[in-house]
PDB file of N, CA and C in Angstrom:
ATOM      1  N   ASP A   1       0.828  -1.176   0.026  1.00  0.00           N
ATOM      2  CA  ASP A   1       0.006   0.013  -0.046  1.00  0.00           C
ATOM      3  C   ASP A   1       0.940   1.218  -0.013  1.00  0.00           C
ATOM      4  N   CYS A   2       0.640   2.116  -0.939  1.00  0.00           N
ATOM      5  CA  CYS A   2       1.468   3.307  -1.023  1.00  0.00           C
ATOM      6  C   CYS A   2       0.725   4.587  -0.551  1.00  0.00           C
ATOM      7  N   SER A   3      -0.198   4.447   0.348  1.00  0.00           N
ATOM      8  CA  SER A   3      -0.972   5.617   0.773  1.00  0.00           C
ATOM      9  C   SER A   3      -0.249   6.597   1.640  1.00  0.00           C
ATOM     10  N   TYR A   4       0.945   6.242   2.088  1.00  0.00           N
ATOM     11  CA  TYR A   4       1.701   7.215   2.948  1.00  0.00           C
ATOM     12  C   TYR A   4       3.010   7.638   2.439  1.00  0.00           C
ATOM     13  N   ILE A   5       3.209   7.682   1.149  1.00  0.00           N
ATOM     14  CA  ILE A   5       4.512   8.002   0.668  1.00  0.00           C
ATOM     15  C   ILE A   5       4.643   9.425   0.040  1.00  0.00           C
ATOM     16  N   LEU A   6       3.556  10.163   0.052  1.00  0.00           N
ATOM     17  CA  LEU A   6       3.546  11.527  -0.485  1.00  0.00           C
ATOM     18  C   LEU A   6       4.320  12.513   0.406  1.00  0.00           C
ATOM     19  N   ASP A   7       5.388  13.137  -0.181  1.00  0.00           N
ATOM     20  CA  ASP A   7       6.078  14.137   0.533  1.00  0.00           C
ATOM     21  C   ASP A   7       5.281  15.464   0.423  1.00  0.00           C
ATOM     22  N   VAL A   8       5.296  16.135   1.474  1.00  0.00           N
ATOM     23  CA  VAL A   8       4.490  17.348   1.703  1.00  0.00           C
ATOM     24  C   VAL A   8       5.475  18.540   1.834  1.00  0.00           C
ATOM     25  N   ASN A   9       5.421  19.522   0.950  1.00  0.00           N
ATOM     26  CA  ASN A   9       6.211  20.672   1.173  1.00  0.00           C
ATOM     27  C   ASN A   9       5.578  21.493   2.247  1.00  0.00           C
ATOM     28  N   THR A  10       6.369  22.071   3.164  1.00  0.00           N
ATOM     29  CA  THR A  10       5.808  22.826   4.240  1.00  0.00           C
ATOM     30  C   THR A  10       6.687  24.041   4.491  1.00  0.00           C
ATOM     31  N   THR A  11       6.128  25.012   5.174  1.00  0.00           N
ATOM     32  CA  THR A  11       6.802  26.174   5.572  1.00  0.00           C
ATOM     33  C   THR A  11       7.660  25.942   6.802  1.00  0.00           C
ATOM     34  N   GLN A  12       8.553  26.842   7.100  1.00  0.00           N
ATOM     35  CA  GLN A  12       9.294  26.795   8.321  1.00  0.00           C
ATOM     36  C   GLN A  12       8.412  27.255   9.491  1.00  0.00           C
ATOM     37  N   HIS A  13       8.379  26.503  10.524  1.00  0.00           N
ATOM     38  CA  HIS A  13       7.427  26.841  11.663  1.00  0.00           C
ATOM     39  C   HIS A  13       8.315  27.422  12.796  1.00  0.00           C
ATOM     40  N   SER A  14       7.975  28.686  13.136  1.00  0.00           N
ATOM     41  CA  SER A  14       8.723  29.273  14.234  1.00  0.00           C
ATOM     42  C   SER A  14       7.924  29.323  15.500  1.00  0.00           C
ATOM     43  N   GLY A  15       6.726  28.785  15.483  1.00  0.00           N
ATOM     44  CA  GLY A  15       5.896  28.721  16.721  1.00  0.00           C
ATOM     45  C   GLY A  15       5.308  27.258  16.808  1.00  0.00           C
ATOM     46  N   SER A  16       4.572  26.978  17.747  1.00  0.00           N
ATOM     47  CA  SER A  16       3.966  25.644  17.885  1.00  0.00           C
ATOM     48  C   SER A  16       3.091  25.308  16.658  1.00  0.00           C
ATOM     49  N   HIS A  17       3.134  24.036  16.230  1.00  0.00           N
ATOM     50  CA  HIS A  17       2.507  23.635  14.974  1.00  0.00           C
ATOM     51  C   HIS A  17       1.772  22.373  15.177  1.00  0.00           C
ATOM     52  N   ASP A  18       0.467  22.244  14.887  1.00  0.00           N
ATOM     53  CA  ASP A  18      -0.252  21.062  14.823  1.00  0.00           C
ATOM     54  C   ASP A  18      -0.025  20.358  13.584  1.00  0.00           C
ATOM     55  N   ILE A  19       0.666  19.211  13.579  1.00  0.00           N
ATOM     56  CA  ILE A  19       0.940  18.457  12.377  1.00  0.00           C
ATOM     57  C   ILE A  19      -0.362  17.951  11.784  1.00  0.00           C
ATOM     58  N   THR A  20      -0.638  18.179  10.575  1.00  0.00           N
ATOM     59  CA  THR A  20      -1.867  17.720   9.939  1.00  0.00           C
ATOM     60  C   THR A  20      -1.736  16.278   9.574  1.00  0.00           C
ATOM     61  N   VAL A  21      -2.889  15.639   9.260  1.00  0.00           N
ATOM     62  CA  VAL A  21      -2.896  14.232   8.848  1.00  0.00           C
ATOM     63  C   VAL A  21      -2.096  14.152   7.550  1.00  0.00           C
ATOM     64  N   LEU A  22      -2.353  15.097   6.618  1.00  0.00           N
ATOM     65  CA  LEU A  22      -1.528  15.040   5.381  1.00  0.00           C
ATOM     66  C   LEU A  22      -0.061  15.159   5.617  1.00  0.00           C
ATOM     67  N   GLU A  23       0.370  15.978   6.466  1.00  0.00           N
ATOM     68  CA  GLU A  23       1.782  16.147   6.782  1.00  0.00           C
ATOM     69  C   GLU A  23       2.333  14.875   7.385  1.00  0.00           C
ATOM     70  N   ALA A  24       1.512  14.102   8.149  1.00  0.00           N
ATOM     71  CA  ALA A  24       1.924  12.877   8.817  1.00  0.00           C
ATOM     72  C   ALA A  24       1.942  11.695   7.820  1.00  0.00           C
ATOM     73  N   HIS A  25       1.611  11.959   6.570  1.00  0.00           N
ATOM     74  CA  HIS A  25       1.711  10.866   5.582  1.00  0.00           C
ATOM     75  C   HIS A  25       2.935  11.115   4.715  1.00  0.00           C
ATOM     76  N   GLY A  26       4.087  11.275   5.297  1.00  0.00           N
ATOM     77  CA  GLY A  26       5.337  11.426   4.557  1.00  0.00           C
ATOM     78  C   GLY A  26       5.856  12.799   4.534  1.00  0.00           C
ATOM     79  N   GLY A  27       5.382  13.663   5.326  1.00  0.00           N
ATOM     80  CA  GLY A  27       5.811  15.074   5.295  1.00  0.00           C
ATOM     81  C   GLY A  27       7.173  15.322   5.909  1.00  0.00           C
ATOM     82  N   VAL A  28       7.850  16.362   5.416  1.00  0.00           N
ATOM     83  CA  VAL A  28       9.074  16.922   6.004  1.00  0.00           C
ATOM     84  C   VAL A  28       8.722  18.233   6.533  1.00  0.00           C
ATOM     85  N   LEU A  29       8.897  18.454   7.896  1.00  0.00           N
ATOM     86  CA  LEU A  29       8.597  19.664   8.470  1.00  0.00           C
ATOM     87  C   LEU A  29       9.857  20.283   9.025  1.00  0.00           C
ATOM     88  N   ILE A  30       9.867  21.598   9.009  1.00  0.00           N
ATOM     89  CA  ILE A  30      11.032  22.335   9.379  1.00  0.00           C
ATOM     90  C   ILE A  30      10.746  23.257  10.553  1.00  0.00           C
ATOM     91  N   GLY A  31      11.515  23.161  11.660  1.00  0.00           N
ATOM     92  CA  GLY A  31      11.318  24.049  12.816  1.00  0.00           C
ATOM     93  C   GLY A  31      12.397  25.053  12.811  1.00  0.00           C
ATOM     94  N   LYS A  32      11.995  26.342  12.825  1.00  0.00           N
ATOM     95  CA  LYS A  32      13.048  27.441  12.818  1.00  0.00           C
ATOM     96  C   LYS A  32      12.610  28.499  13.827  1.00  0.00           C
ATOM     97  N   ASN A  33      13.244  28.494  14.956  1.00  0.00           N
ATOM     98  CA  ASN A  33      13.029  29.543  15.927  1.00  0.00           C
ATOM     99  C   ASN A  33      14.399  29.966  16.507  1.00  0.00           C
ATOM    100  N   THR A  34      14.458  31.200  16.997  1.00  0.00           N
ATOM    101  CA  THR A  34      15.792  31.696  17.374  1.00  0.00           C
ATOM    102  C   THR A  34      16.017  31.413  18.917  1.00  0.00           C
ATOM    103  N   SER A  35      15.067  31.217  19.671  1.00  0.00           N
ATOM    104  CA  SER A  35      15.197  30.948  21.071  1.00  0.00           C
ATOM    105  C   SER A  35      14.035  30.093  21.639  1.00  0.00           C
ATOM    106  N   GLY A  36      14.200  29.506  22.714  1.00  0.00           N
ATOM    107  CA  GLY A  36      13.182  28.697  23.364  1.00  0.00           C
ATOM    108  C   GLY A  36      12.975  27.406  22.535  1.00  0.00           C
ATOM    109  N   THR A  37      11.710  26.920  22.604  1.00  0.00           N
ATOM    110  CA  THR A  37      11.437  25.666  21.889  1.00  0.00           C
ATOM    111  C   THR A  37      10.130  25.825  21.131  1.00  0.00           C
ATOM    112  N   THR A  38       9.991  24.974  20.060  1.00  0.00           N
ATOM    113  CA  THR A  38       8.764  24.942  19.277  1.00  0.00           C
ATOM    114  C   THR A  38       8.156  23.561  19.491  1.00  0.00           C
ATOM    115  N   ALA A  39       6.859  23.512  19.760  1.00  0.00           N
ATOM    116  CA  ALA A  39       6.221  22.235  19.922  1.00  0.00           C
ATOM    117  C   ALA A  39       5.520  21.842  18.602  1.00  0.00           C
ATOM    118  N   PHE A  40       5.783  20.494  18.154  1.00  0.00           N
ATOM    119  CA  PHE A  40       5.117  19.942  17.071  1.00  0.00           C
ATOM    120  C   PHE A  40       4.179  18.862  17.659  1.00  0.00           C
ATOM    121  N   ASN A  41       2.878  19.165  17.422  1.00  0.00           N
ATOM    122  CA  ASN A  41       1.843  18.247  17.999  1.00  0.00           C
ATOM    123  C   ASN A  41       1.409  17.288  16.984  1.00  0.00           C
ATOM    124  N   LEU A  42       1.651  15.971  17.323  1.00  0.00           N
ATOM    125  CA  LEU A  42       1.276  14.854  16.337  1.00  0.00           C
ATOM    126  C   LEU A  42      -0.185  14.646  16.353  1.00  0.00           C
ATOM    127  N   PRO A  43      -0.761  14.277  15.214  1.00  0.00           N
ATOM    128  CA  PRO A  43      -2.155  13.856  15.155  1.00  0.00           C
ATOM    129  C   PRO A  43      -2.408  12.546  15.761  1.00  0.00           C
ATOM    130  N   ALA A  44      -3.641  12.099  15.988  1.00  0.00           N
ATOM    131  CA  ALA A  44      -3.883  10.747  16.384  1.00  0.00           C
ATOM    132  C   ALA A  44      -3.243   9.776  15.469  1.00  0.00           C
ATOM    133  N   ALA A  45      -2.448   8.907  16.089  1.00  0.00           N
ATOM    134  CA  ALA A  45      -1.625   8.031  15.271  1.00  0.00           C
ATOM    135  C   ALA A  45      -2.350   6.889  14.567  1.00  0.00           C
ATOM    136  N   VAL A  46      -2.157   6.722  13.264  1.00  0.00           N
ATOM    137  CA  VAL A  46      -2.704   5.657  12.516  1.00  0.00           C
ATOM    138  C   VAL A  46      -1.561   4.895  11.866  1.00  0.00           C
ATOM    139  N   ALA A  47      -1.512   3.617  11.992  1.00  0.00           N
ATOM    140  CA  ALA A  47      -0.432   2.783  11.442  1.00  0.00           C
ATOM    141  C   ALA A  47      -0.094   3.185  10.090  1.00  0.00           C
ATOM    142  N   GLY A  48       1.205   3.382   9.831  1.00  0.00           N
ATOM    143  CA  GLY A  48       1.712   3.758   8.503  1.00  0.00           C
ATOM    144  C   GLY A  48       2.087   5.192   8.348  1.00  0.00           C
ATOM    145  N   MET A  49       1.597   6.022   9.269  1.00  0.00           N
ATOM    146  CA  MET A  49       2.009   7.423   9.164  1.00  0.00           C
ATOM    147  C   MET A  49       3.501   7.574   9.434  1.00  0.00           C
ATOM    148  N   HIS A  50       4.162   8.537   8.828  1.00  0.00           N
ATOM    149  CA  HIS A  50       5.499   8.785   9.067  1.00  0.00           C
ATOM    150  C   HIS A  50       5.866  10.196   8.641  1.00  0.00           C
ATOM    151  N   CYS A  51       6.759  10.856   9.331  1.00  0.00           N
ATOM    152  CA  CYS A  51       7.166  12.220   8.957  1.00  0.00           C
ATOM    153  C   CYS A  51       8.594  12.488   9.531  1.00  0.00           C
ATOM    154  N   ARG A  52       9.183  13.499   9.039  1.00  0.00           N
ATOM    155  CA  ARG A  52      10.456  13.878   9.518  1.00  0.00           C
ATOM    156  C   ARG A  52      10.406  15.371   9.918  1.00  0.00           C
ATOM    157  N   ILE A  53      10.989  15.637  11.081  1.00  0.00           N
ATOM    158  CA  ILE A  53      11.072  17.044  11.557  1.00  0.00           C
ATOM    159  C   ILE A  53      12.499  17.484  11.600  1.00  0.00           C
ATOM    160  N   ILE A  54      12.877  18.546  10.959  1.00  0.00           N
ATOM    161  CA  ILE A  54      14.226  18.974  10.826  1.00  0.00           C
ATOM    162  C   ILE A  54      14.283  20.270  11.615  1.00  0.00           C
ATOM    163  N   ASN A  55      15.324  20.390  12.494  1.00  0.00           N
ATOM    164  CA  ASN A  55      15.523  21.547  13.350  1.00  0.00           C
ATOM    165  C   ASN A  55      16.574  22.422  12.726  1.00  0.00           C
ATOM    166  N   ILE A  56      16.218  23.624  12.360  1.00  0.00           N
ATOM    167  CA  ILE A  56      17.186  24.559  11.817  1.00  0.00           C
ATOM    168  C   ILE A  56      17.252  25.834  12.702  1.00  0.00           C
ATOM    169  N   GLY A  57      16.850  25.634  13.999  1.00  0.00           N
ATOM    170  CA  GLY A  57      16.897  26.817  14.858  1.00  0.00           C
ATOM    171  C   GLY A  57      17.245  26.348  16.277  1.00  0.00           C
ATOM    172  N   SER A  58      16.354  26.670  17.195  1.00  0.00           N
ATOM    173  CA  SER A  58      16.614  26.249  18.588  1.00  0.00           C
ATOM    174  C   SER A  58      15.964  24.867  18.862  1.00  0.00           C
ATOM    175  N   GLY A  59      15.388  24.653  20.000  1.00  0.00           N
ATOM    176  CA  GLY A  59      14.928  23.342  20.367  1.00  0.00           C
ATOM    177  C   GLY A  59      13.560  23.042  19.697  1.00  0.00           C
ATOM    178  N   ILE A  60      13.322  21.725  19.614  1.00  0.00           N
ATOM    179  CA  ILE A  60      11.976  21.227  19.053  1.00  0.00           C
ATOM    180  C   ILE A  60      11.474  20.204  20.088  1.00  0.00           C
ATOM    181  N   ASN A  61      10.224  20.366  20.489  1.00  0.00           N
ATOM    182  CA  ASN A  61       9.581  19.340  21.311  1.00  0.00           C
ATOM    183  C   ASN A  61       8.481  18.709  20.497  1.00  0.00           C
ATOM    184  N   VAL A  62       8.376  17.387  20.529  1.00  0.00           N
ATOM    185  CA  VAL A  62       7.349  16.653  19.875  1.00  0.00           C
ATOM    186  C   VAL A  62       6.410  16.012  20.849  1.00  0.00           C
ATOM    187  N   VAL A  63       5.074  16.222  20.663  1.00  0.00           N
ATOM    188  CA  VAL A  63       4.147  15.762  21.660  1.00  0.00           C
ATOM    189  C   VAL A  63       3.091  14.890  20.960  1.00  0.00           C
ATOM    190  N   THR A  64       2.614  13.908  21.640  1.00  0.00           N
ATOM    191  CA  THR A  64       1.588  12.956  21.122  1.00  0.00           C
ATOM    192  C   THR A  64       0.226  13.439  21.547  1.00  0.00           C
ATOM    193  N   SER A  65      -0.734  12.913  20.861  1.00  0.00           N
ATOM    194  CA  SER A  65      -2.143  13.106  21.272  1.00  0.00           C
ATOM    195  C   SER A  65      -2.325  12.261  22.521  1.00  0.00           C
ATOM    196  N   SER A  66      -3.341  12.676  23.379  1.00  0.00           N
ATOM    197  CA  SER A  66      -3.644  11.886  24.550  1.00  0.00           C
ATOM    198  C   SER A  66      -4.012  10.507  24.191  1.00  0.00           C
ATOM    199  N   GLY A  67      -3.461   9.576  24.879  1.00  0.00           N
ATOM    200  CA  GLY A  67      -3.675   8.149  24.648  1.00  0.00           C
ATOM    201  C   GLY A  67      -2.679   7.500  23.708  1.00  0.00           C
ATOM    202  N   ASP A  68      -1.958   8.269  22.952  1.00  0.00           N
ATOM    203  CA  ASP A  68      -0.904   7.787  22.011  1.00  0.00           C
ATOM    204  C   ASP A  68       0.373   7.607  22.747  1.00  0.00           C
ATOM    205  N   SER A  69       1.221   6.744  22.289  1.00  0.00           N
ATOM    206  CA  SER A  69       2.605   6.542  22.846  1.00  0.00           C
ATOM    207  C   SER A  69       3.621   6.871  21.843  1.00  0.00           C
ATOM    208  N   LEU A  70       4.779   7.205  22.373  1.00  0.00           N
ATOM    209  CA  LEU A  70       6.005   7.350  21.534  1.00  0.00           C
ATOM    210  C   LEU A  70       7.142   6.669  22.284  1.00  0.00           C
ATOM    211  N   ASN A  71       7.789   5.759  21.558  1.00  0.00           N
ATOM    212  CA  ASN A  71       8.854   4.882  22.119  1.00  0.00           C
ATOM    213  C   ASN A  71       8.447   4.265  23.444  1.00  0.00           C
ATOM    214  N   GLY A  72       7.150   3.848  23.458  1.00  0.00           N
ATOM    215  CA  GLY A  72       6.675   3.016  24.632  1.00  0.00           C
ATOM    216  C   GLY A  72       6.116   3.950  25.748  1.00  0.00           C
ATOM    217  N   VAL A  73       6.262   5.208  25.660  1.00  0.00           N
ATOM    218  CA  VAL A  73       5.709   6.118  26.757  1.00  0.00           C
ATOM    219  C   VAL A  73       4.439   6.694  26.299  1.00  0.00           C
ATOM    220  N   THR A  74       3.304   6.410  27.106  1.00  0.00           N
ATOM    221  CA  THR A  74       1.971   6.802  26.700  1.00  0.00           C
ATOM    222  C   THR A  74       1.625   8.162  27.327  1.00  0.00           C
ATOM    223  N   ASN A  75       1.081   9.056  26.471  1.00  0.00           N
ATOM    224  CA  ASN A  75       0.511  10.298  26.938  1.00  0.00           C
ATOM    225  C   ASN A  75      -0.884  10.087  27.502  1.00  0.00           C
ATOM    226  N   SER A  76      -0.983  10.075  28.824  1.00  0.00           N
ATOM    227  CA  SER A  76      -2.274   9.795  29.462  1.00  0.00           C
ATOM    228  C   SER A  76      -2.940  11.057  29.993  1.00  0.00           C
ATOM    229  N   ALA A  77      -2.284  12.171  29.791  1.00  0.00           N
ATOM    230  CA  ALA A  77      -2.854  13.451  30.323  1.00  0.00           C
ATOM    231  C   ALA A  77      -3.940  13.962  29.383  1.00  0.00           C
ATOM    232  N   SER A  78      -4.713  14.902  29.848  1.00  0.00           N
ATOM    233  CA  SER A  78      -5.759  15.479  29.006  1.00  0.00           C
ATOM    234  C   SER A  78      -5.091  16.567  28.041  1.00  0.00           C
ATOM    235  N   THR A  79      -3.876  16.978  28.410  1.00  0.00           N
ATOM    236  CA  THR A  79      -3.144  17.884  27.468  1.00  0.00           C
ATOM    237  C   THR A  79      -1.924  17.176  27.055  1.00  0.00           C
ATOM    238  N   ALA A  80      -1.366  17.525  25.925  1.00  0.00           N
ATOM    239  CA  ALA A  80      -0.182  16.915  25.296  1.00  0.00           C
ATOM    240  C   ALA A  80       0.998  17.063  26.271  1.00  0.00           C
ATOM    241  N   THR A  81       1.818  16.044  26.410  1.00  0.00           N
ATOM    242  CA  THR A  81       2.994  16.064  27.167  1.00  0.00           C
ATOM    243  C   THR A  81       4.204  15.792  26.242  1.00  0.00           C
ATOM    244  N   LEU A  82       5.349  16.163  26.777  1.00  0.00           N
ATOM    245  CA  LEU A  82       6.616  15.994  25.983  1.00  0.00           C
ATOM    246  C   LEU A  82       6.837  14.522  25.684  1.00  0.00           C
ATOM    247  N   ALA A  83       7.060  14.186  24.384  1.00  0.00           N
ATOM    248  CA  ALA A  83       7.325  12.802  23.991  1.00  0.00           C
ATOM    249  C   ALA A  83       8.768  12.672  23.482  1.00  0.00           C
ATOM    250  N   ALA A  84       9.308  13.715  22.822  1.00  0.00           N
ATOM    251  CA  ALA A  84      10.643  13.627  22.281  1.00  0.00           C
ATOM    252  C   ALA A  84      11.166  15.025  22.075  1.00  0.00           C
ATOM    253  N   ALA A  85      12.395  15.196  22.083  1.00  0.00           N
ATOM    254  CA  ALA A  85      13.012  16.567  21.855  1.00  0.00           C
ATOM    255  C   ALA A  85      14.267  16.431  20.921  1.00  0.00           C
ATOM    256  N   ILE A  86      14.477  17.376  20.117  1.00  0.00           N
ATOM    257  CA  ILE A  86      15.686  17.456  19.300  1.00  0.00           C
ATOM    258  C   ILE A  86      16.205  18.884  19.376  1.00  0.00           C
ATOM    259  N   THR A  87      17.502  18.943  19.615  1.00  0.00           N
ATOM    260  CA  THR A  87      18.187  20.232  19.743  1.00  0.00           C
ATOM    261  C   THR A  87      19.331  20.227  18.821  1.00  0.00           C
ATOM    262  N   GLY A  88      19.736  21.429  18.475  1.00  0.00           N
ATOM    263  CA  GLY A  88      20.888  21.572  17.551  1.00  0.00           C
ATOM    264  C   GLY A  88      20.512  21.782  16.139  1.00  0.00           C
ATOM    265  N   VAL A  89      21.113  22.745  15.438  1.00  0.00           N
ATOM    266  CA  VAL A  89      20.814  23.040  14.097  1.00  0.00           C
ATOM    267  C   VAL A  89      21.223  21.873  13.237  1.00  0.00           C
ATOM    268  N   GLY A  90      20.346  21.387  12.404  1.00  0.00           N
ATOM    269  CA  GLY A  90      20.555  20.279  11.490  1.00  0.00           C
ATOM    270  C   GLY A  90      20.153  18.928  11.999  1.00  0.00           C
ATOM    271  N   SER A  91      19.850  18.891  13.325  1.00  0.00           N
ATOM    272  CA  SER A  91      19.370  17.645  13.875  1.00  0.00           C
ATOM    273  C   SER A  91      17.919  17.334  13.342  1.00  0.00           C
ATOM    274  N   ALA A  92      17.557  16.096  13.403  1.00  0.00           N
ATOM    275  CA  ALA A  92      16.165  15.738  12.894  1.00  0.00           C
ATOM    276  C   ALA A  92      15.598  14.582  13.684  1.00  0.00           C
ATOM    277  N   LEU A  93      14.365  14.392  13.499  1.00  0.00           N
ATOM    278  CA  LEU A  93      13.638  13.325  14.183  1.00  0.00           C
ATOM    279  C   LEU A  93      12.792  12.611  13.143  1.00  0.00           C
ATOM    280  N   GLU A  94      13.070  11.309  12.987  1.00  0.00           N
ATOM    281  CA  GLU A  94      12.136  10.458  12.052  1.00  0.00           C
ATOM    282  C   GLU A  94      11.076   9.826  12.950  1.00  0.00           C
ATOM    283  N   LEU A  95       9.855  10.094  12.553  1.00  0.00           N
ATOM    284  CA  LEU A  95       8.702   9.554  13.292  1.00  0.00           C
ATOM    285  C   LEU A  95       7.928   8.586  12.498  1.00  0.00           C
ATOM    286  N   THR A  96       7.693   7.396  13.016  1.00  0.00           N
ATOM    287  CA  THR A  96       6.874   6.386  12.352  1.00  0.00           C
ATOM    288  C   THR A  96       5.836   5.797  13.185  1.00  0.00           C
ATOM    289  N   CYS A  97       4.639   5.671  12.742  1.00  0.00           N
ATOM    290  CA  CYS A  97       3.520   5.064  13.491  1.00  0.00           C
ATOM    291  C   CYS A  97       3.512   3.591  13.105  1.00  0.00           C
ATOM    292  N   ILE A  98       3.867   2.690  14.124  1.00  0.00           N
ATOM    293  CA  ILE A  98       3.997   1.211  13.828  1.00  0.00           C
ATOM    294  C   ILE A  98       2.697   0.521  14.099  1.00  0.00           C
ATOM    295  N   ALA A  99       1.775   1.187  14.799  1.00  0.00           N
ATOM    296  CA  ALA A  99       0.439   0.640  15.068  1.00  0.00           C
ATOM    297  C   ALA A  99      -0.483   1.797  15.491  1.00  0.00           C
ATOM    298  N   ASP A 100      -1.790   1.623  15.337  1.00  0.00           N
ATOM    299  CA  ASP A 100      -2.625   2.694  15.692  1.00  0.00           C
ATOM    300  C   ASP A 100      -2.360   3.109  17.156  1.00  0.00           C
ATOM    301  N   GLY A 101      -1.999   4.447  17.312  1.00  0.00           N
ATOM    302  CA  GLY A 101      -1.676   4.932  18.662  1.00  0.00           C
ATOM    303  C   GLY A 101      -0.322   4.769  19.084  1.00  0.00           C
ATOM    304  N   ALA A 102       0.610   4.214  18.288  1.00  0.00           N
ATOM    305  CA  ALA A 102       1.973   3.988  18.795  1.00  0.00           C
ATOM    306  C   ALA A 102       2.939   4.525  17.761  1.00  0.00           C
ATOM    307  N   TRP A 103       3.690   5.512  18.191  1.00  0.00           N
ATOM    308  CA  TRP A 103       4.814   6.065  17.377  1.00  0.00           C
ATOM    309  C   TRP A 103       6.147   5.612  17.883  1.00  0.00           C
ATOM    310  N   ILE A 104       7.117   5.534  16.969  1.00  0.00           N
ATOM    311  CA  ILE A 104       8.499   5.380  17.353  1.00  0.00           C
ATOM    312  C   ILE A 104       9.257   6.521  16.696  1.00  0.00           C
ATOM    313  N   ALA A 105      10.309   6.917  17.367  1.00  0.00           N
ATOM    314  CA  ALA A 105      11.119   8.035  16.917  1.00  0.00           C
ATOM    315  C   ALA A 105      12.568   7.679  16.849  1.00  0.00           C
ATOM    316  N   ASN A 106      13.253   8.125  15.856  1.00  0.00           N
ATOM    317  CA  ASN A 106      14.694   7.938  15.669  1.00  0.00           C
ATOM    318  C   ASN A 106      15.341   9.311  15.547  1.00  0.00           C
ATOM    319  N   ASN A 107      16.234   9.669  16.504  1.00  0.00           N
ATOM    320  CA  ASN A 107      16.969  10.854  16.513  1.00  0.00           C
ATOM    321  C   ASN A 107      18.058  10.816  15.502  1.00  0.00           C
ATOM    322  N   MET A 108      18.272  11.847  14.712  1.00  0.00           N
ATOM    323  CA  MET A 108      19.360  11.898  13.753  1.00  0.00           C
ATOM    324  C   MET A 108      20.158  13.213  14.066  1.00  0.00           C
ATOM    325  N   ALA A 109      21.372  12.970  14.381  1.00  0.00           N
ATOM    326  CA  ALA A 109      22.254  14.134  14.704  1.00  0.00           C
ATOM    327  C   ALA A 109      22.686  14.833  13.467  1.00  0.00           C
ATOM    328  N   ALA A 110      22.994  16.127  13.589  1.00  0.00           N
ATOM    329  CA  ALA A 110      23.416  16.886  12.466  1.00  0.00           C
ATOM    330  C   ALA A 110      24.731  16.412  12.071  1.00  0.00           C
ATOM    331  N   PRO A 111      25.084  16.449  10.759  1.00  0.00           N
ATOM    332  CA  PRO A 111      26.332  15.991  10.300  1.00  0.00           C
ATOM    333  C   PRO A 111      27.489  16.860  10.858  1.00  0.00           C
ATOM    334  N   ALA A 112      28.618  16.246  11.088  1.00  0.00           N
ATOM    335  CA  ALA A 112      29.774  16.962  11.591  1.00  0.00           C
ATOM    336  C   ALA A 112      30.293  18.041  10.610  1.00  0.00           C
ATOM    337  N   ALA A 113      30.728  19.172  11.091  1.00  0.00           N
ATOM    338  CA  ALA A 113      31.281  20.139  10.183  1.00  0.00           C
ATOM    339  C   ALA A 113      32.535  19.681   9.632  1.00  0.00           C
ATOM    340  N   THR A 114      32.859  20.129   8.396  1.00  0.00           N
ATOM    341  CA  THR A 114      34.101  19.608   7.745  1.00  0.00           C
ATOM    342  C   THR A 114      34.983  20.832   7.505  1.00  0.00           C
TER     343      THR A 114
END
């Protein structure tokens, strides 16, 4: 099934951003802020969703919907809680939904300067 392989062009987000279902179907999202952190809020997880968040500014926090888990940690609060963080310019987070309600994340460090 190829329903989740469409890349989505997106703008740079300098404030909190609710990731849309379309963006969670293969989107590449860019976080750009000069200080503090930007929260990327994942939609309700459906198996097969995947996206990449690239940090080109300050810190990025990724939060799950209530009841969803990321790397085995379930968000049971009524409001979103921190699920993963990436810091450093050029770092990225690969997010994949392996089952309804269950995300896994892989941190990718920025390449070393040459």
